[in-house]
């Protein structure tokens, strides 16, 4: 099983359509987490048709998305508890804010908002930000994958080519 993590797609505002690279990778047995800022309910609906999918709304998502998605959630996969949230405010200290937003603390917190890749631990919790599918002024478009093996979990980042 592969666990994909994306955030900040901002479709169609920043990029015209969903990256083909992600669509090719996702299969019906894969799991996808979207950490918010879809900015289009069509993206949300399309992802739901392609794979097992969990998502939260972000600060740029409209009422239609906010009525369909939670602000944060817990998901248990292969004995690992994953917390999912978008994030808010300045990128400075975002990791600490999202960490404090969860009680009890999950094994992993997936978040977005900053458009910046991150993988670090606070105490026993892995904090993982996949960056942004839409990219940013200083970072390439990206996504992440989580790997669960022998009771451990870690994440890797991958750059996307947006055409």
N, C-alpha and C. Protein backbone atom coordinates (compact mmCIF):
# COMPACT_ATOMS: atom_id res chain seq x y z
N UNK A 1 0.84 -1.18 0.00
CA UNK A 1 0.00 0.00 0.00
C UNK A 1 0.88 1.24 0.00
N UNK A 2 0.51 2.17 -0.85
CA UNK A 2 1.22 3.44 -0.91
C UNK A 2 0.32 4.53 -0.35
N UNK A 3 0.90 5.43 0.41
CA UNK A 3 0.15 6.54 1.01
C UNK A 3 0.69 7.83 0.42
N UNK A 4 -0.11 8.48 -0.41
CA UNK A 4 0.27 9.75 -1.02
C UNK A 4 -0.25 10.90 -0.18
N UNK A 5 0.52 11.99 -0.14
CA UNK A 5 0.13 13.18 0.60
C UNK A 5 0.31 14.39 -0.30
N UNK A 6 -0.77 15.16 -0.47
CA UNK A 6 -0.70 16.39 -1.24
C UNK A 6 -1.37 17.52 -0.46
N UNK A 7 -1.09 18.72 -0.87
CA UNK A 7 -1.72 19.89 -0.27
C UNK A 7 -1.67 21.04 -1.26
N UNK A 8 -2.49 22.03 -1.00
CA UNK A 8 -2.43 23.30 -1.72
C UNK A 8 -2.40 23.11 -3.24
N UNK A 9 -3.45 22.45 -3.75
CA UNK A 9 -3.54 22.25 -5.20
C UNK A 9 -3.95 23.55 -5.89
N UNK A 10 -4.80 24.34 -5.28
CA UNK A 10 -5.20 25.64 -5.83
C UNK A 10 -5.60 25.54 -7.31
N UNK A 11 -6.47 24.57 -7.59
CA UNK A 11 -6.95 24.36 -8.96
C UNK A 11 -8.36 24.95 -9.06
N UNK A 12 -8.69 25.74 -10.04
CA UNK A 12 -7.91 26.10 -11.21
C UNK A 12 -7.14 27.42 -11.07
N UNK A 13 -7.16 28.05 -9.92
CA UNK A 13 -6.58 29.38 -9.77
C UNK A 13 -5.10 29.50 -10.08
N UNK A 14 -4.28 28.59 -9.56
CA UNK A 14 -2.82 28.70 -9.75
C UNK A 14 -2.28 27.75 -10.79
N UNK A 15 -2.88 26.56 -10.87
CA UNK A 15 -2.53 25.65 -11.97
C UNK A 15 -3.82 25.22 -12.62
N UNK A 16 -3.79 25.00 -13.91
CA UNK A 16 -5.02 24.78 -14.66
C UNK A 16 -5.75 23.49 -14.37
N UNK A 17 -5.02 22.40 -14.14
CA UNK A 17 -5.66 21.12 -13.94
C UNK A 17 -4.79 20.24 -13.04
N UNK A 18 -5.34 19.10 -12.69
CA UNK A 18 -4.64 18.20 -11.80
C UNK A 18 -3.43 17.59 -12.51
N UNK A 19 -2.26 17.56 -11.86
CA UNK A 19 -1.05 17.03 -12.51
C UNK A 19 -1.20 15.56 -12.92
N UNK A 20 -0.86 15.28 -14.17
CA UNK A 20 -0.97 13.92 -14.71
C UNK A 20 -0.10 12.94 -13.93
N UNK A 21 1.03 13.40 -13.43
CA UNK A 21 1.94 12.54 -12.68
C UNK A 21 1.26 11.93 -11.45
N UNK A 22 0.49 12.75 -10.75
CA UNK A 22 -0.23 12.26 -9.56
C UNK A 22 -1.34 11.30 -9.99
N UNK A 23 -2.08 11.66 -11.01
CA UNK A 23 -3.18 10.81 -11.48
C UNK A 23 -2.64 9.44 -11.88
N UNK A 24 -1.51 9.39 -12.55
CA UNK A 24 -0.91 8.10 -12.97
C UNK A 24 -0.50 7.26 -11.77
N UNK A 25 -0.05 7.89 -10.71
CA UNK A 25 0.44 7.16 -9.54
C UNK A 25 -0.70 6.59 -8.68
N UNK A 26 -1.80 7.29 -8.61
CA UNK A 26 -2.89 6.88 -7.72
C UNK A 26 -3.69 5.75 -8.37
N UNK A 27 -3.87 4.70 -7.60
CA UNK A 27 -4.68 3.56 -8.05
C UNK A 27 -5.75 3.32 -7.00
N UNK A 28 -6.68 2.47 -7.30
CA UNK A 28 -7.79 2.24 -6.38
C UNK A 28 -7.34 1.69 -5.03
N UNK A 29 -6.19 1.00 -4.97
CA UNK A 29 -5.74 0.45 -3.68
C UNK A 29 -4.87 1.44 -2.90
N UNK A 30 -4.51 2.55 -3.50
CA UNK A 30 -3.70 3.56 -2.83
C UNK A 30 -4.57 4.44 -1.93
N UNK A 31 -3.90 5.10 -1.00
CA UNK A 31 -4.57 6.04 -0.12
C UNK A 31 -3.99 7.41 -0.39
N UNK A 32 -4.85 8.39 -0.44
CA UNK A 32 -4.42 9.76 -0.67
C UNK A 32 -4.93 10.65 0.46
N UNK A 33 -4.05 11.48 0.99
CA UNK A 33 -4.43 12.52 1.94
C UNK A 33 -4.23 13.86 1.26
N UNK A 34 -5.24 14.73 1.35
CA UNK A 34 -5.13 16.10 0.84
C UNK A 34 -5.27 17.03 2.03
N UNK A 35 -4.25 17.85 2.25
CA UNK A 35 -4.18 18.71 3.44
C UNK A 35 -4.80 20.09 3.23
N UNK A 36 -5.73 20.22 2.32
CA UNK A 36 -6.49 21.46 2.19
C UNK A 36 -6.00 22.42 1.12
N UNK A 37 -6.84 23.42 0.87
CA UNK A 37 -6.70 24.38 -0.22
C UNK A 37 -6.79 23.69 -1.58
N UNK A 38 -7.92 22.98 -1.74
CA UNK A 38 -8.28 22.42 -3.05
C UNK A 38 -8.60 23.59 -3.98
N UNK A 39 -9.42 24.50 -3.46
CA UNK A 39 -10.04 25.67 -4.09
C UNK A 39 -11.03 25.31 -5.19
N UNK A 40 -11.35 24.04 -5.34
CA UNK A 40 -12.37 23.63 -6.29
C UNK A 40 -13.02 22.34 -5.79
N UNK A 41 -14.32 22.35 -5.67
CA UNK A 41 -15.01 21.14 -5.24
C UNK A 41 -14.87 20.05 -6.29
N UNK A 42 -14.63 20.43 -7.55
CA UNK A 42 -14.43 19.44 -8.60
C UNK A 42 -13.18 18.59 -8.34
N UNK A 43 -12.12 19.21 -7.82
CA UNK A 43 -10.91 18.46 -7.48
C UNK A 43 -11.22 17.46 -6.39
N UNK A 44 -11.92 17.90 -5.37
CA UNK A 44 -12.32 17.02 -4.26
C UNK A 44 -13.12 15.82 -4.79
N UNK A 45 -14.09 16.08 -5.63
CA UNK A 45 -14.94 15.00 -6.15
C UNK A 45 -14.15 14.05 -7.04
N UNK A 46 -13.26 14.58 -7.84
CA UNK A 46 -12.46 13.73 -8.73
C UNK A 46 -11.56 12.81 -7.92
N UNK A 47 -10.92 13.34 -6.90
CA UNK A 47 -10.05 12.51 -6.06
C UNK A 47 -10.84 11.39 -5.40
N UNK A 48 -12.04 11.70 -4.94
CA UNK A 48 -12.88 10.70 -4.29
C UNK A 48 -13.27 9.56 -5.20
N UNK A 49 -13.27 9.79 -6.51
CA UNK A 49 -13.58 8.74 -7.48
C UNK A 49 -12.36 7.90 -7.84
N UNK A 50 -11.17 8.41 -7.57
CA UNK A 50 -9.95 7.74 -8.03
C UNK A 50 -9.34 6.78 -7.01
N UNK A 51 -9.53 7.05 -5.72
CA UNK A 51 -8.83 6.25 -4.72
C UNK A 51 -9.46 6.44 -3.35
N UNK A 52 -8.95 5.68 -2.39
CA UNK A 52 -9.32 5.89 -0.99
C UNK A 52 -8.71 7.22 -0.58
N UNK A 53 -9.53 8.11 -0.06
CA UNK A 53 -9.15 9.50 0.03
C UNK A 53 -9.63 10.13 1.34
N UNK A 54 -8.75 10.89 1.98
CA UNK A 54 -9.09 11.66 3.18
C UNK A 54 -8.64 13.09 2.95
N UNK A 55 -9.44 14.03 3.39
CA UNK A 55 -9.06 15.43 3.20
C UNK A 55 -9.64 16.32 4.27
N UNK A 56 -9.08 17.50 4.37
CA UNK A 56 -9.58 18.57 5.23
C UNK A 56 -9.63 19.84 4.40
N UNK A 57 -10.43 20.79 4.84
CA UNK A 57 -10.48 22.05 4.10
C UNK A 57 -9.37 22.98 4.57
N UNK A 58 -9.00 23.89 3.68
CA UNK A 58 -7.99 24.90 3.98
C UNK A 58 -8.59 26.29 3.99
N UNK A 59 -7.77 27.26 4.30
CA UNK A 59 -8.25 28.63 4.42
C UNK A 59 -8.72 29.24 3.10
N UNK A 60 -8.32 28.69 1.96
CA UNK A 60 -8.75 29.21 0.66
C UNK A 60 -9.96 28.46 0.10
N UNK A 61 -10.44 27.46 0.81
CA UNK A 61 -11.56 26.67 0.32
C UNK A 61 -12.89 27.35 0.65
N UNK A 62 -13.83 27.25 -0.30
CA UNK A 62 -15.10 27.94 -0.15
C UNK A 62 -16.09 27.14 0.70
N UNK A 63 -17.29 27.69 0.85
CA UNK A 63 -18.32 27.09 1.69
C UNK A 63 -18.68 25.67 1.23
N UNK A 64 -18.73 25.44 -0.08
CA UNK A 64 -19.10 24.11 -0.58
C UNK A 64 -18.11 23.05 -0.07
N UNK A 65 -16.83 23.36 -0.12
CA UNK A 65 -15.82 22.42 0.38
C UNK A 65 -15.87 22.31 1.90
N UNK A 66 -16.08 23.43 2.58
CA UNK A 66 -16.14 23.41 4.04
C UNK A 66 -17.34 22.62 4.54
N UNK A 67 -18.39 22.55 3.74
CA UNK A 67 -19.56 21.77 4.15
C UNK A 67 -19.36 20.28 3.91
N UNK A 68 -18.40 19.92 3.06
CA UNK A 68 -18.12 18.52 2.74
C UNK A 68 -16.99 17.92 3.58
N UNK A 69 -16.06 18.77 4.03
CA UNK A 69 -14.83 18.30 4.66
C UNK A 69 -14.69 18.82 6.08
N UNK A 70 -14.00 18.09 6.95
CA UNK A 70 -13.74 18.59 8.30
C UNK A 70 -12.53 19.53 8.31
N UNK A 71 -12.39 20.27 9.41
CA UNK A 71 -11.22 21.14 9.59
C UNK A 71 -9.99 20.31 9.95
N UNK A 72 -10.20 19.25 10.74
CA UNK A 72 -9.13 18.32 11.07
C UNK A 72 -9.74 16.96 11.34
N UNK A 73 -8.92 15.92 11.25
CA UNK A 73 -9.42 14.58 11.52
C UNK A 73 -8.28 13.64 11.89
N UNK A 74 -8.68 12.52 12.51
CA UNK A 74 -7.78 11.41 12.82
C UNK A 74 -8.14 10.25 11.92
N UNK A 75 -7.12 9.56 11.39
CA UNK A 75 -7.32 8.36 10.57
C UNK A 75 -6.33 7.31 11.07
N UNK A 76 -6.78 6.07 11.21
CA UNK A 76 -5.90 4.99 11.64
C UNK A 76 -5.65 4.07 10.45
N UNK A 77 -4.37 3.87 10.12
CA UNK A 77 -3.97 3.01 9.00
C UNK A 77 -2.80 2.16 9.46
N UNK A 78 -2.94 0.83 9.31
CA UNK A 78 -1.86 -0.10 9.67
C UNK A 78 -1.36 0.15 11.10
N UNK A 79 -2.27 0.44 12.00
CA UNK A 79 -1.90 0.65 13.40
C UNK A 79 -1.28 2.01 13.70
N UNK A 80 -1.17 2.88 12.69
CA UNK A 80 -0.60 4.22 12.85
C UNK A 80 -1.74 5.23 12.87
N UNK A 81 -1.72 6.12 13.86
CA UNK A 81 -2.74 7.18 13.91
C UNK A 81 -2.19 8.41 13.21
N UNK A 82 -2.96 8.88 12.22
CA UNK A 82 -2.57 10.03 11.43
C UNK A 82 -3.55 11.17 11.69
N UNK A 83 -3.02 12.32 12.04
CA UNK A 83 -3.82 13.54 12.19
C UNK A 83 -3.66 14.38 10.94
N UNK A 84 -4.75 14.93 10.47
CA UNK A 84 -4.76 15.70 9.23
C UNK A 84 -5.35 17.07 9.50
N UNK A 85 -4.64 18.13 9.07
CA UNK A 85 -5.08 19.52 9.27
C UNK A 85 -4.42 20.36 8.18
N UNK A 86 -4.99 21.51 7.87
CA UNK A 86 -4.37 22.38 6.86
C UNK A 86 -3.28 23.26 7.48
N UNK A 87 -3.64 24.00 8.51
CA UNK A 87 -2.73 24.95 9.11
C UNK A 87 -3.26 26.37 8.91
N UNK A 88 -2.65 27.33 9.58
CA UNK A 88 -3.11 28.71 9.52
C UNK A 88 -2.00 29.65 9.97
N UNK A 89 -2.13 30.89 9.56
CA UNK A 89 -1.22 31.93 10.01
C UNK A 89 0.13 31.90 9.30
N UNK A 90 1.10 32.54 9.92
CA UNK A 90 2.45 32.65 9.38
C UNK A 90 3.11 31.28 9.27
N UNK A 91 3.98 31.11 8.27
CA UNK A 91 4.76 29.88 8.20
C UNK A 91 5.69 29.70 9.41
N UNK A 92 6.08 30.81 10.01
CA UNK A 92 6.95 30.74 11.18
C UNK A 92 6.15 30.17 12.35
N UNK A 93 6.60 29.06 12.90
CA UNK A 93 5.92 28.43 14.02
C UNK A 93 4.73 27.56 13.65
N UNK A 94 4.49 27.39 12.34
CA UNK A 94 3.34 26.59 11.90
C UNK A 94 3.43 25.16 12.42
N UNK A 95 4.62 24.58 12.42
CA UNK A 95 4.79 23.21 12.89
C UNK A 95 4.34 23.07 14.35
N UNK A 96 4.69 24.01 15.19
CA UNK A 96 4.27 23.97 16.60
C UNK A 96 2.76 24.19 16.76
N UNK A 97 2.18 25.08 15.95
CA UNK A 97 0.74 25.32 16.04
C UNK A 97 -0.06 24.08 15.66
N UNK A 98 0.33 23.41 14.57
CA UNK A 98 -0.44 22.22 14.17
C UNK A 98 -0.22 21.09 15.17
N UNK A 99 0.96 20.99 15.73
CA UNK A 99 1.22 19.98 16.76
C UNK A 99 0.30 20.20 17.96
N UNK A 100 0.19 21.43 18.41
CA UNK A 100 -0.64 21.75 19.58
C UNK A 100 -2.13 21.61 19.30
N UNK A 101 -2.54 21.60 18.04
CA UNK A 101 -3.96 21.49 17.68
C UNK A 101 -4.52 20.09 17.93
N UNK A 102 -3.66 19.09 18.15
CA UNK A 102 -4.12 17.72 18.33
C UNK A 102 -3.96 17.25 19.76
N UNK A 103 -5.04 16.65 20.25
CA UNK A 103 -5.01 15.99 21.55
C UNK A 103 -6.02 14.85 21.48
N UNK A 104 -5.60 13.64 21.71
CA UNK A 104 -4.24 13.19 21.99
C UNK A 104 -3.35 13.36 20.76
N UNK A 105 -2.05 13.24 20.96
CA UNK A 105 -1.09 13.40 19.87
C UNK A 105 -1.08 12.13 19.00
N UNK A 106 -1.24 12.30 17.69
CA UNK A 106 -1.15 11.15 16.79
C UNK A 106 0.30 10.77 16.52
N UNK A 107 0.49 9.66 15.82
CA UNK A 107 1.83 9.24 15.42
C UNK A 107 2.39 10.17 14.34
N UNK A 108 1.49 10.67 13.47
CA UNK A 108 1.87 11.53 12.36
C UNK A 108 0.87 12.67 12.26
N UNK A 109 1.36 13.86 11.97
CA UNK A 109 0.49 14.99 11.63
C UNK A 109 0.85 15.42 10.21
N UNK A 110 -0.15 15.38 9.33
CA UNK A 110 0.00 15.84 7.96
C UNK A 110 -0.62 17.22 7.88
N UNK A 111 0.09 18.17 7.27
CA UNK A 111 -0.44 19.53 7.16
C UNK A 111 0.11 20.20 5.91
N UNK A 112 -0.45 21.34 5.56
CA UNK A 112 -0.03 22.11 4.40
C UNK A 112 0.13 23.58 4.77
N UNK A 113 -0.51 24.44 4.00
CA UNK A 113 -0.64 25.88 4.21
C UNK A 113 0.61 26.67 3.83
N UNK A 114 1.79 26.26 4.24
CA UNK A 114 3.00 27.05 4.02
C UNK A 114 3.58 26.90 2.61
N UNK A 115 3.14 25.89 1.87
CA UNK A 115 3.69 25.56 0.56
C UNK A 115 5.16 25.15 0.66
N UNK A 116 5.61 24.78 1.84
CA UNK A 116 7.01 24.41 2.06
C UNK A 116 7.10 22.98 2.59
N UNK A 117 7.98 22.19 2.00
CA UNK A 117 8.18 20.80 2.43
C UNK A 117 8.79 20.77 3.83
N UNK A 118 8.32 19.80 4.63
CA UNK A 118 8.88 19.62 5.96
C UNK A 118 8.68 18.18 6.39
N UNK A 119 9.66 17.65 7.07
CA UNK A 119 9.55 16.35 7.73
C UNK A 119 10.42 16.43 8.97
N UNK A 120 9.78 16.42 10.13
CA UNK A 120 10.52 16.50 11.39
C UNK A 120 9.70 15.88 12.50
N UNK A 121 10.36 15.57 13.59
CA UNK A 121 9.67 15.02 14.75
C UNK A 121 9.60 16.05 15.86
N UNK A 122 8.45 16.08 16.51
CA UNK A 122 8.31 16.76 17.79
C UNK A 122 7.91 15.65 18.76
N UNK A 123 8.77 15.40 19.70
CA UNK A 123 8.63 14.28 20.63
C UNK A 123 8.49 13.01 19.80
N UNK A 124 7.39 12.29 19.94
CA UNK A 124 7.21 11.03 19.21
C UNK A 124 6.36 11.18 17.95
N UNK A 125 5.98 12.41 17.59
CA UNK A 125 5.08 12.65 16.46
C UNK A 125 5.86 13.16 15.25
N UNK A 126 5.67 12.49 14.10
CA UNK A 126 6.24 12.95 12.84
C UNK A 126 5.33 14.03 12.28
N UNK A 127 5.89 15.20 11.98
CA UNK A 127 5.16 16.26 11.30
C UNK A 127 5.62 16.26 9.85
N UNK A 128 4.66 16.17 8.92
CA UNK A 128 5.00 16.04 7.50
C UNK A 128 4.15 16.98 6.67
N UNK A 129 4.80 17.89 5.96
CA UNK A 129 4.16 18.79 5.02
C UNK A 129 4.70 18.43 3.63
N UNK A 130 3.80 18.07 2.69
CA UNK A 130 4.26 17.65 1.37
C UNK A 130 4.69 18.79 0.46
N UNK A 131 4.60 20.03 0.95
CA UNK A 131 4.78 21.17 0.06
C UNK A 131 3.47 21.43 -0.65
N UNK A 132 3.52 21.99 -1.83
CA UNK A 132 2.29 22.35 -2.55
C UNK A 132 2.32 21.83 -3.97
N UNK A 133 1.22 21.23 -4.39
CA UNK A 133 1.08 20.82 -5.78
C UNK A 133 1.20 22.04 -6.68
N UNK A 134 0.69 23.19 -6.22
CA UNK A 134 0.76 24.43 -6.99
C UNK A 134 2.14 25.10 -6.90
N UNK A 135 3.02 24.61 -6.05
CA UNK A 135 4.33 25.22 -5.88
C UNK A 135 4.23 26.56 -5.16
N UNK A 136 5.32 27.27 -5.13
CA UNK A 136 5.34 28.61 -4.54
C UNK A 136 6.45 29.40 -5.20
N UNK A 137 6.62 30.62 -4.78
CA UNK A 137 7.64 31.47 -5.39
C UNK A 137 9.05 30.93 -5.17
N UNK A 138 9.26 30.14 -4.11
CA UNK A 138 10.61 29.65 -3.83
C UNK A 138 10.74 28.13 -3.77
N UNK A 139 9.67 27.40 -4.04
CA UNK A 139 9.74 25.93 -4.02
C UNK A 139 9.00 25.35 -5.22
N UNK A 140 9.54 24.25 -5.73
CA UNK A 140 8.93 23.54 -6.85
C UNK A 140 7.62 22.89 -6.40
N UNK A 141 6.71 22.67 -7.34
CA UNK A 141 5.52 21.89 -7.02
C UNK A 141 5.96 20.51 -6.50
N UNK A 142 5.23 19.99 -5.50
CA UNK A 142 5.67 18.74 -4.89
C UNK A 142 4.52 17.96 -4.28
N UNK A 143 4.80 16.73 -3.93
CA UNK A 143 3.90 15.86 -3.18
C UNK A 143 4.77 15.01 -2.26
N UNK A 144 4.13 14.22 -1.41
CA UNK A 144 4.87 13.35 -0.52
C UNK A 144 4.31 11.95 -0.53
N UNK A 145 5.11 11.03 -0.02
CA UNK A 145 4.66 9.66 0.22
C UNK A 145 5.06 9.27 1.62
N UNK A 146 4.16 8.56 2.30
CA UNK A 146 4.47 8.00 3.62
C UNK A 146 4.74 6.51 3.45
N UNK A 147 5.66 6.02 4.24
CA UNK A 147 6.02 4.62 4.22
C UNK A 147 5.87 4.06 5.63
N UNK A 148 5.14 2.96 5.75
CA UNK A 148 4.92 2.31 7.04
C UNK A 148 5.57 0.94 6.96
N UNK A 149 6.52 0.70 7.88
CA UNK A 149 7.23 -0.58 7.86
C UNK A 149 7.74 -0.90 9.25
N UNK A 150 7.54 -2.13 9.67
CA UNK A 150 8.02 -2.61 10.97
C UNK A 150 7.64 -1.68 12.12
N UNK A 151 6.42 -1.18 12.09
CA UNK A 151 5.93 -0.30 13.16
C UNK A 151 6.43 1.12 13.08
N UNK A 152 7.27 1.44 12.10
CA UNK A 152 7.77 2.81 11.94
C UNK A 152 7.12 3.49 10.76
N UNK A 153 7.24 4.81 10.71
CA UNK A 153 6.69 5.57 9.59
C UNK A 153 7.63 6.72 9.28
N UNK A 154 7.80 6.97 7.98
CA UNK A 154 8.60 8.11 7.54
C UNK A 154 8.04 8.61 6.23
N UNK A 155 8.43 9.81 5.86
CA UNK A 155 7.94 10.42 4.63
C UNK A 155 9.06 10.86 3.72
N UNK A 156 8.77 10.91 2.43
CA UNK A 156 9.70 11.44 1.43
C UNK A 156 8.96 12.43 0.56
N UNK A 157 9.69 13.42 0.05
CA UNK A 157 9.15 14.44 -0.83
C UNK A 157 9.59 14.18 -2.27
N UNK A 158 8.71 14.54 -3.20
CA UNK A 158 8.99 14.38 -4.62
C UNK A 158 8.54 15.63 -5.36
N UNK A 159 9.41 16.12 -6.25
CA UNK A 159 9.04 17.29 -7.05
C UNK A 159 8.17 16.85 -8.21
N UNK A 160 7.26 17.74 -8.60
CA UNK A 160 6.34 17.51 -9.71
C UNK A 160 6.75 18.38 -10.89
N UNK A 161 6.48 17.87 -12.07
CA UNK A 161 6.65 18.69 -13.26
C UNK A 161 5.26 19.12 -13.72
N UNK A 162 4.99 20.39 -13.62
CA UNK A 162 3.69 20.93 -14.03
C UNK A 162 3.84 21.50 -15.44
N UNK A 163 3.03 20.97 -16.36
CA UNK A 163 3.11 21.43 -17.75
C UNK A 163 1.87 22.22 -18.07
